[in-house]
Amino acid sequence: MTLYNHELVYTGTWENEGHTVTFTPIKNNSIIISESIHIPFKGVNSFSRTVPLEEGIKKQDQLIEWQYRKIS
């Protein structure tokens, strides 16, 4: 968990209907967001990006609003 401007980003993985998103804080107030989408009969599509911590907080808040659950 990282504290930033009185907002939190939780390190770990969130999941909803075959879509997983992992948040990993790194140096310089940045965070790596790694996403995987399981597509039935086609496999898994994965990608990662590094974003400013503020953007990571917004993305995680959005996932919570959309009923994603923390699995790790």
PDB file of N, CA and C in Angstrom:
ATOM      1  N   MET A   1       0.855  -1.164   0.000  1.00  0.00           N
ATOM      2  CA  MET A   1       0.000   0.000   0.000  1.00  0.00           C
ATOM      3  C   MET A   1       0.901   1.226   0.000  1.00  0.00           C
ATOM      4  N   THR A   2       0.567   2.198  -0.825  1.00  0.00           N
ATOM      5  CA  THR A   2       1.346   3.421  -0.920  1.00  0.00           C
ATOM      6  C   THR A   2       0.436   4.610  -0.642  1.00  0.00           C
ATOM      7  N   LEU A   3       0.899   5.517   0.203  1.00  0.00           N
ATOM      8  CA  LEU A   3       0.119   6.708   0.531  1.00  0.00           C
ATOM      9  C   LEU A   3       0.514   7.837  -0.402  1.00  0.00           C
ATOM     10  N   TYR A   4      -0.450   8.494  -1.000  1.00  0.00           N
ATOM     11  CA  TYR A   4      -0.171   9.602  -1.905  1.00  0.00           C
ATOM     12  C   TYR A   4      -1.305  10.607  -1.812  1.00  0.00           C
ATOM     13  N   ASN A   5      -0.993  11.833  -1.378  1.00  0.00           N
ATOM     14  CA  ASN A   5      -2.004  12.895  -1.259  1.00  0.00           C
ATOM     15  C   ASN A   5      -3.276  12.421  -0.554  1.00  0.00           C
ATOM     16  N   HIS A   6      -3.101  11.675   0.527  1.00  0.00           N
ATOM     17  CA  HIS A   6      -4.216  11.165   1.319  1.00  0.00           C
ATOM     18  C   HIS A   6      -5.078  10.154   0.559  1.00  0.00           C
ATOM     19  N   GLU A   7      -4.576   9.655  -0.544  1.00  0.00           N
ATOM     20  CA  GLU A   7      -5.265   8.597  -1.285  1.00  0.00           C
ATOM     21  C   GLU A   7      -4.352   7.384  -1.276  1.00  0.00           C
ATOM     22  N   LEU A   8      -4.920   6.212  -1.471  1.00  0.00           N
ATOM     23  CA  LEU A   8      -4.159   4.977  -1.403  1.00  0.00           C
ATOM     24  C   LEU A   8      -4.212   4.225  -2.711  1.00  0.00           C
ATOM     25  N   VAL A   9      -3.119   3.558  -3.019  1.00  0.00           N
ATOM     26  CA  VAL A   9      -3.138   2.556  -4.072  1.00  0.00           C
ATOM     27  C   VAL A   9      -2.684   1.266  -3.397  1.00  0.00           C
ATOM     28  N   TYR A  10      -3.435   0.202  -3.561  1.00  0.00           N
ATOM     29  CA  TYR A  10      -3.130  -1.074  -2.939  1.00  0.00           C
ATOM     30  C   TYR A  10      -2.335  -1.941  -3.909  1.00  0.00           C
ATOM     31  N   THR A  11      -1.160  -2.387  -3.469  1.00  0.00           N
ATOM     32  CA  THR A  11      -0.353  -3.305  -4.257  1.00  0.00           C
ATOM     33  C   THR A  11      -1.079  -4.639  -4.326  1.00  0.00           C
ATOM     34  N   GLY A  12      -1.145  -5.226  -5.515  1.00  0.00           N
ATOM     35  CA  GLY A  12      -1.777  -6.525  -5.653  1.00  0.00           C
ATOM     36  C   GLY A  12      -2.615  -6.614  -6.912  1.00  0.00           C
ATOM     37  N   THR A  13      -3.440  -7.661  -6.955  1.00  0.00           N
ATOM     38  CA  THR A  13      -4.203  -7.986  -8.157  1.00  0.00           C
ATOM     39  C   THR A  13      -5.699  -7.878  -7.897  1.00  0.00           C
ATOM     40  N   TRP A  14      -6.397  -7.299  -8.861  1.00  0.00           N
ATOM     41  CA  TRP A  14      -7.849  -7.147  -8.847  1.00  0.00           C
ATOM     42  C   TRP A  14      -8.407  -7.935 -10.021  1.00  0.00           C
ATOM     43  N   GLU A  15      -9.626  -8.504  -9.873  1.00  0.00           N
ATOM     44  CA  GLU A  15     -10.168  -9.391 -10.907  1.00  0.00           C
ATOM     45  C   GLU A  15     -11.664  -9.173 -11.067  1.00  0.00           C
ATOM     46  N   ASN A  16     -12.121  -9.324 -12.323  1.00  0.00           N
ATOM     47  CA  ASN A  16     -13.549  -9.312 -12.631  1.00  0.00           C
ATOM     48  C   ASN A  16     -13.752  -9.972 -13.991  1.00  0.00           C
ATOM     49  N   GLU A  17     -14.504 -11.050 -14.024  1.00  0.00           N
ATOM     50  CA  GLU A  17     -14.929 -11.729 -15.255  1.00  0.00           C
ATOM     51  C   GLU A  17     -13.793 -11.990 -16.243  1.00  0.00           C
ATOM     52  N   GLY A  18     -12.696 -12.570 -15.756  1.00  0.00           N
ATOM     53  CA  GLY A  18     -11.598 -12.943 -16.637  1.00  0.00           C
ATOM     54  C   GLY A  18     -10.600 -11.844 -16.930  1.00  0.00           C
ATOM     55  N   HIS A  19     -10.803 -10.665 -16.366  1.00  0.00           N
ATOM     56  CA  HIS A  19      -9.878  -9.532 -16.539  1.00  0.00           C
ATOM     57  C   HIS A  19      -9.157  -9.315 -15.208  1.00  0.00           C
ATOM     58  N   THR A  20      -7.825  -9.423 -15.224  1.00  0.00           N
ATOM     59  CA  THR A  20      -7.050  -9.173 -14.015  1.00  0.00           C
ATOM     60  C   THR A  20      -6.145  -7.966 -14.222  1.00  0.00           C
ATOM     61  N   VAL A  21      -5.996  -7.190 -13.150  1.00  0.00           N
ATOM     62  CA  VAL A  21      -5.158  -5.998 -13.189  1.00  0.00           C
ATOM     63  C   VAL A  21      -4.287  -6.011 -11.939  1.00  0.00           C
ATOM     64  N   THR A  22      -2.963  -5.928 -12.139  1.00  0.00           N
ATOM     65  CA  THR A  22      -2.015  -5.936 -11.030  1.00  0.00           C
ATOM     66  C   THR A  22      -1.332  -4.584 -10.933  1.00  0.00           C
ATOM     67  N   PHE A  23      -1.234  -4.070  -9.700  1.00  0.00           N
ATOM     68  CA  PHE A  23      -0.600  -2.790  -9.422  1.00  0.00           C
ATOM     69  C   PHE A  23       0.690  -3.035  -8.654  1.00  0.00           C
ATOM     70  N   THR A  24       1.825  -2.530  -9.189  1.00  0.00           N
ATOM     71  CA  THR A  24       3.128  -2.697  -8.566  1.00  0.00           C
ATOM     72  C   THR A  24       3.832  -1.336  -8.495  1.00  0.00           C
ATOM     73  N   PRO A  25       3.942  -0.750  -7.291  1.00  0.00           N
ATOM     74  CA  PRO A  25       4.638   0.536  -7.159  1.00  0.00           C
ATOM     75  C   PRO A  25       6.132   0.383  -7.471  1.00  0.00           C
ATOM     76  N   ILE A  26       6.709   1.408  -8.108  1.00  0.00           N
ATOM     77  CA  ILE A  26       8.144   1.440  -8.385  1.00  0.00           C
ATOM     78  C   ILE A  26       8.680   2.807  -7.989  1.00  0.00           C
ATOM     79  N   LYS A  27       9.936   3.066  -8.269  1.00  0.00           N
ATOM     80  CA  LYS A  27      10.564   4.339  -7.902  1.00  0.00           C
ATOM     81  C   LYS A  27       9.917   5.523  -8.616  1.00  0.00           C
ATOM     82  N   ASN A  28      10.238   6.704  -8.110  1.00  0.00           N
ATOM     83  CA  ASN A  28       9.831   7.970  -8.729  1.00  0.00           C
ATOM     84  C   ASN A  28       8.321   8.174  -8.793  1.00  0.00           C
ATOM     85  N   ASN A  29       7.592   7.733  -7.763  1.00  0.00           N
ATOM     86  CA  ASN A  29       6.135   7.910  -7.718  1.00  0.00           C
ATOM     87  C   ASN A  29       5.445   7.391  -8.970  1.00  0.00           C
ATOM     88  N   SER A  30       5.869   6.227  -9.417  1.00  0.00           N
ATOM     89  CA  SER A  30       5.262   5.571 -10.576  1.00  0.00           C
ATOM     90  C   SER A  30       4.727   4.212 -10.159  1.00  0.00           C
ATOM     91  N   ILE A  31       3.916   3.648 -11.021  1.00  0.00           N
ATOM     92  CA  ILE A  31       3.346   2.327 -10.752  1.00  0.00           C
ATOM     93  C   ILE A  31       3.249   1.564 -12.067  1.00  0.00           C
ATOM     94  N   ILE A  32       3.523   0.269 -12.000  1.00  0.00           N
ATOM     95  CA  ILE A  32       3.330  -0.589 -13.166  1.00  0.00           C
ATOM     96  C   ILE A  32       1.928  -1.185 -13.069  1.00  0.00           C
ATOM     97  N   ILE A  33       1.151  -1.024 -14.122  1.00  0.00           N
ATOM     98  CA  ILE A  33      -0.173  -1.647 -14.206  1.00  0.00           C
ATOM     99  C   ILE A  33      -0.074  -2.741 -15.257  1.00  0.00           C
ATOM    100  N   SER A  34      -0.269  -3.988 -14.820  1.00  0.00           N
ATOM    101  CA  SER A  34      -0.233  -5.146 -15.722  1.00  0.00           C
ATOM    102  C   SER A  34      -1.638  -5.702 -15.839  1.00  0.00           C
ATOM    103  N   GLU A  35      -2.098  -5.884 -17.064  1.00  0.00           N
ATOM    104  CA  GLU A  35      -3.458  -6.389 -17.299  1.00  0.00           C
ATOM    105  C   GLU A  35      -3.424  -7.666 -18.108  1.00  0.00           C
ATOM    106  N   SER A  36      -4.323  -8.594 -17.776  1.00  0.00           N
ATOM    107  CA  SER A  36      -4.508  -9.829 -18.544  1.00  0.00           C
ATOM    108  C   SER A  36      -5.996 -10.027 -18.764  1.00  0.00           C
ATOM    109  N   ILE A  37      -6.344 -10.386 -19.991  1.00  0.00           N
ATOM    110  CA  ILE A  37      -7.741 -10.638 -20.332  1.00  0.00           C
ATOM    111  C   ILE A  37      -7.828 -12.051 -20.890  1.00  0.00           C
ATOM    112  N   HIS A  38      -8.621 -12.904 -20.223  1.00  0.00           N
ATOM    113  CA  HIS A  38      -8.816 -14.270 -20.697  1.00  0.00           C
ATOM    114  C   HIS A  38      -9.989 -14.277 -21.675  1.00  0.00           C
ATOM    115  N   ILE A  39      -9.694 -14.701 -22.907  1.00  0.00           N
ATOM    116  CA  ILE A  39     -10.726 -14.769 -23.940  1.00  0.00           C
ATOM    117  C   ILE A  39     -10.995 -16.246 -24.219  1.00  0.00           C
ATOM    118  N   PRO A  40     -12.198 -16.746 -23.898  1.00  0.00           N
ATOM    119  CA  PRO A  40     -12.496 -18.170 -24.092  1.00  0.00           C
ATOM    120  C   PRO A  40     -12.178 -18.639 -25.516  1.00  0.00           C
ATOM    121  N   PHE A  41     -11.545 -19.787 -25.600  1.00  0.00           N
ATOM    122  CA  PHE A  41     -11.174 -20.454 -26.856  1.00  0.00           C
ATOM    123  C   PHE A  41     -10.101 -19.704 -27.649  1.00  0.00           C
ATOM    124  N   LYS A  42      -9.615 -18.575 -27.146  1.00  0.00           N
ATOM    125  CA  LYS A  42      -8.586 -17.817 -27.860  1.00  0.00           C
ATOM    126  C   LYS A  42      -7.320 -17.628 -27.037  1.00  0.00           C
ATOM    127  N   GLY A  43      -7.408 -17.735 -25.718  1.00  0.00           N
ATOM    128  CA  GLY A  43      -6.230 -17.589 -24.876  1.00  0.00           C
ATOM    129  C   GLY A  43      -6.250 -16.331 -24.034  1.00  0.00           C
ATOM    130  N   VAL A  44      -5.045 -15.890 -23.669  1.00  0.00           N
ATOM    131  CA  VAL A  44      -4.892 -14.742 -22.783  1.00  0.00           C
ATOM    132  C   VAL A  44      -4.146 -13.627 -23.514  1.00  0.00           C
ATOM    133  N   ASN A  45      -4.644 -12.432 -23.383  1.00  0.00           N
ATOM    134  CA  ASN A  45      -4.007 -11.242 -23.951  1.00  0.00           C
ATOM    135  C   ASN A  45      -3.495 -10.417 -22.771  1.00  0.00           C
ATOM    136  N   SER A  46      -2.182 -10.123 -22.732  1.00  0.00           N
ATOM    137  CA  SER A  46      -1.591  -9.405 -21.599  1.00  0.00           C
ATOM    138  C   SER A  46      -0.790  -8.200 -22.067  1.00  0.00           C
ATOM    139  N   PHE A  47      -0.755  -7.178 -21.234  1.00  0.00           N
ATOM    140  CA  PHE A  47       0.077  -6.010 -21.500  1.00  0.00           C
ATOM    141  C   PHE A  47       0.339  -5.274 -20.198  1.00  0.00           C
ATOM    142  N   SER A  48       1.422  -4.482 -20.166  1.00  0.00           N
ATOM    143  CA  SER A  48       1.803  -3.696 -18.991  1.00  0.00           C
ATOM    144  C   SER A  48       2.163  -2.293 -19.422  1.00  0.00           C
ATOM    145  N   ARG A  49       2.010  -1.362 -18.476  1.00  0.00           N
ATOM    146  CA  ARG A  49       2.431   0.008 -18.736  1.00  0.00           C
ATOM    147  C   ARG A  49       2.840   0.651 -17.413  1.00  0.00           C
ATOM    148  N   THR A  50       3.724   1.618 -17.496  1.00  0.00           N
ATOM    149  CA  THR A  50       4.146   2.381 -16.327  1.00  0.00           C
ATOM    150  C   THR A  50       3.466   3.736 -16.382  1.00  0.00           C
ATOM    151  N   VAL A  51       2.829   4.099 -15.264  1.00  0.00           N
ATOM    152  CA  VAL A  51       2.079   5.357 -15.207  1.00  0.00           C
ATOM    153  C   VAL A  51       2.458   6.111 -13.935  1.00  0.00           C
ATOM    154  N   PRO A  52       2.188   7.420 -13.894  1.00  0.00           N
ATOM    155  CA  PRO A  52       2.368   8.164 -12.649  1.00  0.00           C
ATOM    156  C   PRO A  52       1.430   7.601 -11.574  1.00  0.00           C
ATOM    157  N   LEU A  53       1.856   7.698 -10.327  1.00  0.00           N
ATOM    158  CA  LEU A  53       1.074   7.148  -9.227  1.00  0.00           C
ATOM    159  C   LEU A  53      -0.350   7.693  -9.209  1.00  0.00           C
ATOM    160  N   GLU A  54      -0.522   8.974  -9.522  1.00  0.00           N
ATOM    161  CA  GLU A  54      -1.867   9.579  -9.534  1.00  0.00           C
ATOM    162  C   GLU A  54      -2.795   8.846 -10.494  1.00  0.00           C
ATOM    163  N   GLU A  55      -2.259   8.503 -11.672  1.00  0.00           N
ATOM    164  CA  GLU A  55      -3.061   7.777 -12.667  1.00  0.00           C
ATOM    165  C   GLU A  55      -3.390   6.364 -12.181  1.00  0.00           C
ATOM    166  N   GLY A  56      -2.436   5.725 -11.502  1.00  0.00           N
ATOM    167  CA  GLY A  56      -2.677   4.395 -10.941  1.00  0.00           C
ATOM    168  C   GLY A  56      -3.779   4.409  -9.901  1.00  0.00           C
ATOM    169  N   ILE A  57      -3.789   5.446  -9.073  1.00  0.00           N
ATOM    170  CA  ILE A  57      -4.840   5.586  -8.054  1.00  0.00           C
ATOM    171  C   ILE A  57      -6.204   5.726  -8.731  1.00  0.00           C
ATOM    172  N   LYS A  58      -6.284   6.551  -9.762  1.00  0.00           N
ATOM    173  CA  LYS A  58      -7.554   6.745 -10.481  1.00  0.00           C
ATOM    174  C   LYS A  58      -8.033   5.443 -11.120  1.00  0.00           C
ATOM    175  N   LYS A  59      -7.098   4.693 -11.733  1.00  0.00           N
ATOM    176  CA  LYS A  59      -7.456   3.422 -12.374  1.00  0.00           C
ATOM    177  C   LYS A  59      -7.972   2.431 -11.331  1.00  0.00           C
ATOM    178  N   GLN A  60      -7.280   2.336 -10.190  1.00  0.00           N
ATOM    179  CA  GLN A  60      -7.716   1.401  -9.161  1.00  0.00           C
ATOM    180  C   GLN A  60      -9.076   1.803  -8.592  1.00  0.00           C
ATOM    181  N   ASP A  61      -9.297   3.082  -8.358  1.00  0.00           N
ATOM    182  CA  ASP A  61     -10.603   3.547  -7.881  1.00  0.00           C
ATOM    183  C   ASP A  61     -11.707   3.190  -8.873  1.00  0.00           C
ATOM    184  N   GLN A  62     -11.399   3.307 -10.168  1.00  0.00           N
ATOM    185  CA  GLN A  62     -12.366   2.960 -11.211  1.00  0.00           C
ATOM    186  C   GLN A  62     -12.706   1.466 -11.151  1.00  0.00           C
ATOM    187  N   LEU A  63     -11.694   0.627 -10.972  1.00  0.00           N
ATOM    188  CA  LEU A  63     -11.943  -0.817 -10.900  1.00  0.00           C
ATOM    189  C   LEU A  63     -12.797  -1.168  -9.685  1.00  0.00           C
ATOM    190  N   ILE A  64     -12.534  -0.523  -8.562  1.00  0.00           N
ATOM    191  CA  ILE A  64     -13.339  -0.770  -7.355  1.00  0.00           C
ATOM    192  C   ILE A  64     -14.789  -0.356  -7.615  1.00  0.00           C
ATOM    193  N   GLU A  65     -14.973   0.765  -8.258  1.00  0.00           N
ATOM    194  CA  GLU A  65     -16.322   1.242  -8.590  1.00  0.00           C
ATOM    195  C   GLU A  65     -17.041   0.239  -9.495  1.00  0.00           C
ATOM    196  N   TRP A  66     -16.287  -0.431 -10.376  1.00  0.00           N
ATOM    197  CA  TRP A  66     -16.861  -1.407 -11.304  1.00  0.00           C
ATOM    198  C   TRP A  66     -16.953  -2.811 -10.702  1.00  0.00           C
ATOM    199  N   GLN A  67     -16.812  -2.917  -9.379  1.00  0.00           N
ATOM    200  CA  GLN A  67     -16.997  -4.173  -8.647  1.00  0.00           C
ATOM    201  C   GLN A  67     -15.876  -5.197  -8.850  1.00  0.00           C
ATOM    202  N   TYR A  68     -14.675  -4.764  -9.189  1.00  0.00           N
ATOM    203  CA  TYR A  68     -13.538  -5.681  -9.209  1.00  0.00           C
ATOM    204  C   TYR A  68     -13.233  -6.063  -7.772  1.00  0.00           C
ATOM    205  N   ARG A  69     -12.726  -7.277  -7.572  1.00  0.00           N
ATOM    206  CA  ARG A  69     -12.396  -7.702  -6.208  1.00  0.00           C
ATOM    207  C   ARG A  69     -10.904  -7.966  -6.116  1.00  0.00           C
ATOM    208  N   LYS A  70     -10.352  -7.659  -4.960  1.00  0.00           N
ATOM    209  CA  LYS A  70      -8.919  -7.854  -4.721  1.00  0.00           C
ATOM    210  C   LYS A  70      -8.685  -9.331  -4.439  1.00  0.00           C
ATOM    211  N   ILE A  71      -7.797  -9.964  -5.222  1.00  0.00           N
ATOM    212  CA  ILE A  71      -7.550 -11.398  -5.040  1.00  0.00           C
ATOM    213  C   ILE A  71      -6.156 -11.678  -4.501  1.00  0.00           C
ATOM    214  N   SER A  72      -5.283 -10.693  -4.469  1.00  0.00           N
ATOM    215  CA  SER A  72      -3.959 -10.891  -3.836  1.00  0.00           C
ATOM    216  C   SER A  72      -3.355  -9.569  -3.449  1.00  0.00           C
TER     217      SER A  72
END
